[in-house]
């Protein structure tokens, strides 16, 4: 089990990462690319937190074992909404 508690993973490219059983307590996953990541049984983080923080979870296996297809379109590289205001 990887201990990533408190890690600053903001903006990290974690595409396809095996984070199953990882401890993600207090980890900063804001704007992280978690597409196709395996988050099964990840600890210290909820599906709701991941959906709020991550840039994309497309194809990720969530902590509860469900597949996610969440992708935030309209976000620029800096994470700001690039759509019309």
N, C-alpha and C. Protein backbone atom coordinates (compact mmCIF):
# COMPACT_ATOMS: atom_id res chain seq x y z
N UNK A 1 0.84 -1.18 0.00
CA UNK A 1 0.00 0.00 0.00
C UNK A 1 0.89 1.25 0.00
N UNK A 2 0.63 2.13 -0.93
CA UNK A 2 1.38 3.39 -1.00
C UNK A 2 0.81 4.38 0.00
N UNK A 3 1.68 5.04 0.73
CA UNK A 3 1.26 6.06 1.67
C UNK A 3 1.50 7.42 1.04
N UNK A 4 0.43 8.02 0.50
CA UNK A 4 0.52 9.32 -0.14
C UNK A 4 -0.21 10.37 0.69
N UNK A 5 -0.43 10.07 1.97
CA UNK A 5 -1.16 11.01 2.83
C UNK A 5 -0.38 12.32 2.91
N UNK A 6 -1.12 13.41 2.70
CA UNK A 6 -0.53 14.73 2.75
C UNK A 6 0.31 15.12 1.55
N UNK A 7 0.41 14.26 0.55
CA UNK A 7 1.24 14.55 -0.64
C UNK A 7 0.61 15.65 -1.49
N UNK A 8 1.45 16.49 -2.08
CA UNK A 8 0.98 17.51 -3.00
C UNK A 8 1.01 16.91 -4.40
N UNK A 9 -0.15 16.46 -4.86
CA UNK A 9 -0.28 15.87 -6.19
C UNK A 9 -1.08 16.78 -7.12
N UNK A 10 -1.15 18.04 -6.77
CA UNK A 10 -1.90 19.02 -7.55
C UNK A 10 -1.34 19.10 -8.96
N UNK A 11 -2.21 18.89 -9.94
CA UNK A 11 -1.81 18.96 -11.35
C UNK A 11 -1.01 17.76 -11.83
N UNK A 12 -0.85 16.75 -11.00
CA UNK A 12 -0.03 15.59 -11.38
C UNK A 12 -0.71 14.77 -12.47
N UNK A 13 0.10 14.19 -13.34
CA UNK A 13 -0.38 13.27 -14.36
C UNK A 13 -0.30 11.86 -13.77
N UNK A 14 -1.43 11.38 -13.27
CA UNK A 14 -1.51 10.06 -12.67
C UNK A 14 -2.33 9.12 -13.56
N UNK A 15 -2.33 9.42 -14.85
CA UNK A 15 -3.05 8.60 -15.83
C UNK A 15 -2.58 7.16 -15.72
N UNK A 16 -3.54 6.26 -15.47
CA UNK A 16 -3.24 4.84 -15.43
C UNK A 16 -2.52 4.37 -14.17
N UNK A 17 -2.36 5.25 -13.18
CA UNK A 17 -1.63 4.88 -11.96
C UNK A 17 -2.39 3.83 -11.15
N UNK A 18 -1.65 2.92 -10.54
CA UNK A 18 -2.23 1.94 -9.64
C UNK A 18 -2.19 2.51 -8.23
N UNK A 19 -3.32 3.08 -7.81
CA UNK A 19 -3.44 3.67 -6.48
C UNK A 19 -4.37 2.83 -5.62
N UNK A 20 -4.55 1.57 -6.01
CA UNK A 20 -5.42 0.70 -5.23
C UNK A 20 -4.83 0.52 -3.84
N UNK A 21 -5.67 0.63 -2.85
CA UNK A 21 -5.29 0.53 -1.44
C UNK A 21 -4.37 1.65 -0.96
N UNK A 22 -4.14 2.67 -1.77
CA UNK A 22 -3.26 3.77 -1.36
C UNK A 22 -3.94 4.62 -0.29
N UNK A 23 -3.14 5.17 0.61
CA UNK A 23 -3.65 6.12 1.60
C UNK A 23 -3.51 7.51 1.01
N UNK A 24 -4.66 8.11 0.67
CA UNK A 24 -4.69 9.44 0.07
C UNK A 24 -5.22 10.49 1.03
N UNK A 25 -5.19 10.20 2.34
CA UNK A 25 -5.67 11.15 3.35
C UNK A 25 -4.94 12.48 3.21
N UNK A 26 -5.71 13.55 3.12
CA UNK A 26 -5.17 14.92 3.05
C UNK A 26 -4.25 15.16 1.86
N UNK A 27 -4.25 14.28 0.86
CA UNK A 27 -3.47 14.52 -0.36
C UNK A 27 -4.17 15.58 -1.20
N UNK A 28 -3.40 16.46 -1.81
CA UNK A 28 -3.95 17.49 -2.69
C UNK A 28 -3.99 16.92 -4.10
N UNK A 29 -5.20 16.58 -4.55
CA UNK A 29 -5.40 16.02 -5.89
C UNK A 29 -6.07 17.01 -6.83
N UNK A 30 -6.03 18.30 -6.46
CA UNK A 30 -6.68 19.30 -7.29
C UNK A 30 -6.04 19.34 -8.68
N UNK A 31 -6.89 19.30 -9.69
CA UNK A 31 -6.48 19.37 -11.10
C UNK A 31 -5.61 18.19 -11.54
N UNK A 32 -5.62 17.08 -10.78
CA UNK A 32 -4.83 15.90 -11.17
C UNK A 32 -5.55 15.12 -12.26
N UNK A 33 -4.78 14.53 -13.15
CA UNK A 33 -5.31 13.65 -14.19
C UNK A 33 -5.30 12.23 -13.64
N UNK A 34 -6.49 11.74 -13.28
CA UNK A 34 -6.62 10.40 -12.73
C UNK A 34 -7.32 9.47 -13.73
N UNK A 35 -7.28 9.82 -15.01
CA UNK A 35 -7.92 8.99 -16.01
C UNK A 35 -7.29 7.60 -16.02
N UNK A 36 -8.13 6.60 -16.10
CA UNK A 36 -7.73 5.18 -16.14
C UNK A 36 -6.95 4.74 -14.90
N UNK A 37 -6.96 5.53 -13.83
CA UNK A 37 -6.27 5.15 -12.59
C UNK A 37 -7.09 4.10 -11.84
N UNK A 38 -6.41 3.25 -11.10
CA UNK A 38 -7.07 2.25 -10.27
C UNK A 38 -7.06 2.78 -8.84
N UNK A 39 -8.24 3.22 -8.37
CA UNK A 39 -8.39 3.79 -7.04
C UNK A 39 -9.18 2.86 -6.12
N UNK A 40 -9.32 1.59 -6.53
CA UNK A 40 -10.09 0.65 -5.72
C UNK A 40 -9.54 0.59 -4.31
N UNK A 41 -10.44 0.72 -3.36
CA UNK A 41 -10.12 0.62 -1.93
C UNK A 41 -9.12 1.68 -1.46
N UNK A 42 -8.98 2.79 -2.22
CA UNK A 42 -8.14 3.88 -1.76
C UNK A 42 -8.71 4.41 -0.44
N UNK A 43 -7.84 4.77 0.45
CA UNK A 43 -8.26 5.19 1.78
C UNK A 43 -8.08 6.69 1.97
N UNK A 44 -8.95 7.28 2.79
CA UNK A 44 -8.82 8.69 3.13
C UNK A 44 -9.37 9.65 2.10
N UNK A 45 -10.06 9.13 1.11
CA UNK A 45 -10.65 9.98 0.07
C UNK A 45 -11.98 9.37 -0.36
N UNK A 46 -12.93 10.23 -0.66
CA UNK A 46 -14.24 9.74 -1.11
C UNK A 46 -14.40 9.99 -2.61
N UNK A 47 -15.35 9.29 -3.19
CA UNK A 47 -15.67 9.50 -4.59
C UNK A 47 -16.04 10.96 -4.83
N UNK A 48 -16.81 11.53 -3.91
CA UNK A 48 -17.23 12.93 -4.05
C UNK A 48 -16.03 13.88 -4.05
N UNK A 49 -15.06 13.63 -3.18
CA UNK A 49 -13.86 14.47 -3.15
C UNK A 49 -13.09 14.36 -4.46
N UNK A 50 -12.96 13.15 -4.96
CA UNK A 50 -12.25 12.95 -6.22
C UNK A 50 -12.95 13.66 -7.36
N UNK A 51 -14.27 13.55 -7.41
CA UNK A 51 -15.03 14.19 -8.48
C UNK A 51 -14.91 15.71 -8.41
N UNK A 52 -14.77 16.26 -7.22
CA UNK A 52 -14.65 17.70 -7.06
C UNK A 52 -13.25 18.18 -7.40
N UNK A 53 -12.24 17.45 -6.99
CA UNK A 53 -10.85 17.90 -7.11
C UNK A 53 -10.16 17.58 -8.43
N UNK A 54 -10.31 16.37 -8.90
CA UNK A 54 -9.54 15.91 -10.07
C UNK A 54 -9.96 16.61 -11.35
N UNK A 55 -9.00 16.79 -12.25
CA UNK A 55 -9.31 17.34 -13.57
C UNK A 55 -10.12 16.35 -14.37
N UNK A 56 -9.70 15.08 -14.35
CA UNK A 56 -10.44 14.05 -15.06
C UNK A 56 -10.31 12.72 -14.32
N UNK A 57 -11.41 11.99 -14.35
CA UNK A 57 -11.46 10.65 -13.77
C UNK A 57 -11.94 9.66 -14.84
N UNK A 58 -11.89 10.08 -16.09
CA UNK A 58 -12.41 9.27 -17.18
C UNK A 58 -11.76 7.89 -17.20
N UNK A 59 -12.59 6.86 -17.05
CA UNK A 59 -12.11 5.49 -17.09
C UNK A 59 -11.48 5.00 -15.79
N UNK A 60 -11.46 5.86 -14.77
CA UNK A 60 -10.86 5.46 -13.49
C UNK A 60 -11.77 4.49 -12.75
N UNK A 61 -11.16 3.56 -12.03
CA UNK A 61 -11.90 2.69 -11.13
C UNK A 61 -11.90 3.37 -9.77
N UNK A 62 -13.08 3.74 -9.30
CA UNK A 62 -13.23 4.51 -8.08
C UNK A 62 -13.05 3.64 -6.83
N UNK A 63 -12.92 4.28 -5.65
CA UNK A 63 -12.73 3.51 -4.42
C UNK A 63 -13.80 2.45 -4.17
N UNK A 64 -15.02 2.70 -4.65
CA UNK A 64 -16.10 1.73 -4.45
C UNK A 64 -16.14 0.67 -5.55
N UNK A 65 -15.18 0.70 -6.48
CA UNK A 65 -15.10 -0.30 -7.55
C UNK A 65 -15.84 0.08 -8.82
N UNK A 66 -16.58 1.18 -8.80
CA UNK A 66 -17.32 1.62 -9.98
C UNK A 66 -16.40 2.35 -10.94
N UNK A 67 -16.72 2.27 -12.23
CA UNK A 67 -15.97 3.02 -13.24
C UNK A 67 -16.51 4.44 -13.33
N UNK A 68 -15.62 5.40 -13.53
CA UNK A 68 -16.02 6.79 -13.66
C UNK A 68 -15.82 7.24 -15.10
N UNK A 69 -16.70 8.11 -15.55
CA UNK A 69 -16.56 8.69 -16.88
C UNK A 69 -16.53 10.21 -16.80
N UNK A 70 -16.20 10.74 -15.61
CA UNK A 70 -16.18 12.17 -15.40
C UNK A 70 -14.98 12.80 -16.09
N UNK A 71 -15.27 13.76 -16.94
CA UNK A 71 -14.22 14.55 -17.59
C UNK A 71 -14.71 15.99 -17.60
N UNK A 72 -13.93 16.89 -17.10
CA UNK A 72 -14.34 18.29 -17.06
C UNK A 72 -13.90 18.96 -18.34
N UNK A 73 -14.84 19.19 -19.23
CA UNK A 73 -14.50 19.93 -20.45
C UNK A 73 -14.61 21.42 -20.16
N UNK A 74 -13.97 22.20 -20.97
CA UNK A 74 -14.04 23.65 -20.81
C UNK A 74 -13.03 24.20 -19.83
N UNK A 75 -12.13 23.38 -19.31
CA UNK A 75 -11.09 23.88 -18.42
C UNK A 75 -9.81 24.05 -19.22
N UNK A 76 -9.22 25.20 -19.10
CA UNK A 76 -7.96 25.46 -19.78
C UNK A 76 -6.81 24.81 -19.04
N UNK A 77 -5.61 24.96 -19.55
CA UNK A 77 -4.44 24.34 -18.94
C UNK A 77 -4.18 24.86 -17.54
N UNK A 78 -4.62 26.10 -17.26
CA UNK A 78 -4.40 26.65 -15.93
C UNK A 78 -5.53 26.27 -14.98
N UNK A 79 -6.49 25.45 -15.45
CA UNK A 79 -7.59 25.00 -14.61
C UNK A 79 -8.76 25.96 -14.56
N UNK A 80 -8.61 27.10 -15.22
CA UNK A 80 -9.69 28.08 -15.25
C UNK A 80 -10.66 27.74 -16.37
N UNK A 81 -11.91 28.11 -16.16
CA UNK A 81 -12.93 27.87 -17.16
C UNK A 81 -12.62 28.70 -18.39
N UNK A 82 -12.45 28.02 -19.53
CA UNK A 82 -12.09 28.73 -20.75
C UNK A 82 -13.31 29.06 -21.60
N UNK A 83 -14.49 28.71 -21.07
CA UNK A 83 -15.73 29.00 -21.79
C UNK A 83 -16.14 30.44 -21.62
N UNK A 84 -17.22 30.85 -22.32
CA UNK A 84 -17.70 32.24 -22.20
C UNK A 84 -18.19 32.52 -20.79
N UNK A 85 -18.01 33.76 -20.35
CA UNK A 85 -18.48 34.10 -19.01
C UNK A 85 -19.75 34.91 -19.04
